[in-house]
């Protein structure tokens, strides 16, 4: 008989309703690597929801309508996909930022689509004014 500390354990990190999953398509798992002091991808959107887990480093993660937030090793991210713009996944640090993402991709649609400057201008009222939220910051 094994002792409880040697048994497999499950720790729930995050949960989301499955209503945003496309009814068809495919799942994609990838490791995203952002160099130090790098703004990351330009504004874009995903065809379906994206779930991520930060492996190392840190990034500033910003979705349309939400304040930008600092994400660190062990933190999770969630994007609903669809129309909502992902403004930044910037690496403000001096080391590489790496995270795993699992993406639900709609059939016959690209997983990632960049947003044109004209659309960014038309939707600027939907972007949160900031500042960056750091959950570990001391008050």
Protein backbone atom coordinates (compact mmCIF):
# COMPACT_ATOMS: atom_id res chain seq x y z
CA UNK A 1 0.00 0.00 0.00
CA UNK A 2 1.43 3.39 -0.97
CA UNK A 3 1.39 6.43 1.23
CA UNK A 4 -0.84 9.39 0.16
CA UNK A 5 2.17 11.62 -0.58
CA UNK A 6 3.35 9.12 -3.22
CA UNK A 7 0.02 8.87 -5.05
CA UNK A 8 -0.89 10.72 -8.24
CA UNK A 9 -2.48 14.05 -7.44
CA UNK A 10 -4.51 16.41 -9.59
CA UNK A 11 -4.53 20.17 -8.99
CA UNK A 12 -7.13 22.14 -10.96
CA UNK A 13 -5.53 25.33 -12.30
CA UNK A 14 -8.48 26.86 -14.13
CA UNK A 15 -11.92 25.94 -15.51
CA UNK A 16 -14.03 27.28 -18.37
CA UNK A 17 -17.41 26.51 -19.84
CA UNK A 18 -17.26 24.51 -23.08
CA UNK A 19 -19.93 26.58 -24.82
CA UNK A 20 -17.21 28.51 -26.69
CA UNK A 21 -15.72 25.39 -28.28
CA UNK A 22 -16.39 25.03 -32.00
CA UNK A 23 -18.64 22.09 -32.90
CA UNK A 24 -16.08 20.87 -35.44
CA UNK A 25 -12.45 21.53 -36.29
CA UNK A 26 -9.32 20.38 -34.53
CA UNK A 27 -7.24 20.90 -31.40
CA UNK A 28 -3.69 22.22 -31.60
CA UNK A 29 -1.08 22.19 -28.82
CA UNK A 30 1.98 24.41 -29.16
CA UNK A 31 4.83 25.93 -27.17
CA UNK A 32 5.10 29.70 -27.66
CA UNK A 33 8.52 31.27 -27.04
CA UNK A 34 8.96 35.03 -26.73
CA UNK A 35 12.49 36.51 -26.65
CA UNK A 36 13.52 38.82 -23.79
CA UNK A 37 12.27 42.41 -23.94
CA UNK A 38 10.02 41.64 -26.90
CA UNK A 39 6.49 42.94 -27.63
CA UNK A 40 5.37 39.53 -28.96
CA UNK A 41 2.91 39.09 -31.82
CA UNK A 42 1.06 42.09 -33.11
CA UNK A 43 -2.70 42.32 -32.33
CA UNK A 44 -4.60 39.28 -33.57
CA UNK A 45 -7.54 36.99 -32.90
CA UNK A 46 -8.02 33.23 -32.84
CA UNK A 47 -10.76 31.25 -34.58
CA UNK A 48 -11.57 29.38 -31.38
CA UNK A 49 -10.74 29.44 -27.68
CA UNK A 50 -7.16 29.24 -26.43
CA UNK A 51 -6.02 27.91 -23.08
CA UNK A 52 -2.42 28.44 -21.92
CA UNK A 53 -0.04 27.58 -19.11
CA UNK A 54 3.07 29.66 -18.41
CA UNK A 55 6.16 27.47 -18.20
CA UNK A 56 8.85 30.07 -17.51
CA UNK A 57 9.54 33.78 -17.60
CA UNK A 58 6.75 36.32 -17.57
CA UNK A 59 4.56 38.17 -20.03
CA UNK A 60 2.06 40.98 -20.18
CA UNK A 61 -1.18 39.46 -21.48
CA UNK A 62 -3.93 41.72 -22.81
CA UNK A 63 -7.32 40.86 -24.28
CA UNK A 64 -9.79 43.40 -25.61
CA UNK A 65 -11.83 44.85 -22.75
CA UNK A 66 -9.57 43.49 -19.99
CA UNK A 67 -6.73 45.24 -18.19
CA UNK A 68 -3.29 43.99 -19.22
CA UNK A 69 -2.02 41.55 -16.60
CA UNK A 70 1.40 40.12 -15.70
CA UNK A 71 1.44 36.32 -16.14
CA UNK A 72 4.21 34.28 -14.48
CA UNK A 73 5.38 30.67 -14.29
CA UNK A 74 2.48 28.46 -13.20
CA UNK A 75 -0.23 30.95 -14.21
CA UNK A 76 -2.92 30.17 -16.79
CA UNK A 77 -4.43 32.20 -19.62
CA UNK A 78 -7.78 31.92 -21.40
CA UNK A 79 -8.94 33.54 -24.62
CA UNK A 80 -12.48 32.97 -25.85
CA UNK A 81 -11.45 33.27 -29.50
CA UNK A 82 -13.74 34.66 -32.17
CA UNK A 83 -14.12 38.42 -32.49
CA UNK A 84 -12.17 39.45 -29.37
CA UNK A 85 -8.73 40.95 -30.08
CA UNK A 86 -5.60 39.71 -28.32
CA UNK A 87 -3.54 42.91 -28.07
CA UNK A 88 -0.36 41.67 -26.50
CA UNK A 89 1.66 38.81 -25.10
CA UNK A 90 4.77 40.87 -24.43
CA UNK A 91 7.87 39.69 -22.63
CA UNK A 92 9.12 42.54 -20.41
CA UNK A 93 11.83 40.42 -18.80
CA UNK A 94 15.47 39.61 -19.44
CA UNK A 95 14.88 35.86 -20.02
CA UNK A 96 12.83 33.96 -22.58
CA UNK A 97 9.12 33.55 -21.83
CA UNK A 98 7.67 30.15 -22.71
CA UNK A 99 4.11 28.92 -22.44
CA UNK A 100 2.05 26.00 -23.70
CA UNK A 101 -1.23 26.69 -25.48
CA UNK A 102 -4.06 24.37 -26.47
CA UNK A 103 -6.18 25.91 -29.21
CA UNK A 104 -9.58 24.81 -30.50
CA UNK A 105 -9.45 25.72 -34.19
CA UNK A 106 -12.55 26.11 -36.33
CA UNK A 107 -12.58 24.15 -39.60
CA UNK A 108 -11.24 25.95 -42.67
CA UNK A 109 -10.25 29.05 -40.64
CA UNK A 110 -6.70 30.04 -39.72
CA UNK A 111 -5.76 29.57 -36.08
CA UNK A 112 -4.44 33.16 -35.93
CA UNK A 113 -5.47 36.24 -37.93
CA UNK A 114 -3.71 39.59 -37.59
CA UNK A 115 -5.89 42.66 -37.09
CA UNK A 116 -5.43 45.51 -39.57
CA UNK A 117 -4.63 49.05 -38.30
CA UNK A 118 -7.98 50.38 -39.55
CA UNK A 119 -9.90 47.88 -37.45
CA UNK A 120 -7.74 48.61 -34.41
CA UNK A 121 -8.58 52.29 -34.79
CA UNK A 122 -12.31 51.56 -35.14
CA UNK A 123 -12.28 49.39 -31.99
CA UNK A 124 -9.94 51.45 -29.82
CA UNK A 125 -12.86 52.37 -27.53
CA UNK A 126 -13.08 48.68 -26.54
CA UNK A 127 -9.47 48.50 -25.32
CA UNK A 128 -8.91 48.79 -21.57
CA UNK A 129 -6.98 51.98 -20.68
CA UNK A 130 -4.64 50.14 -18.30
CA UNK A 131 -2.49 50.21 -16.24
CA UNK A 132 -0.91 46.76 -16.21
CA UNK A 133 -2.20 44.63 -13.31
CA UNK A 134 0.44 42.70 -11.38
CA UNK A 135 -1.26 40.14 -9.09
CA UNK A 136 1.95 39.81 -7.06
CA UNK A 137 2.44 43.55 -6.50
CA UNK A 138 2.37 44.69 -2.92
CA UNK A 139 -0.20 47.42 -2.14
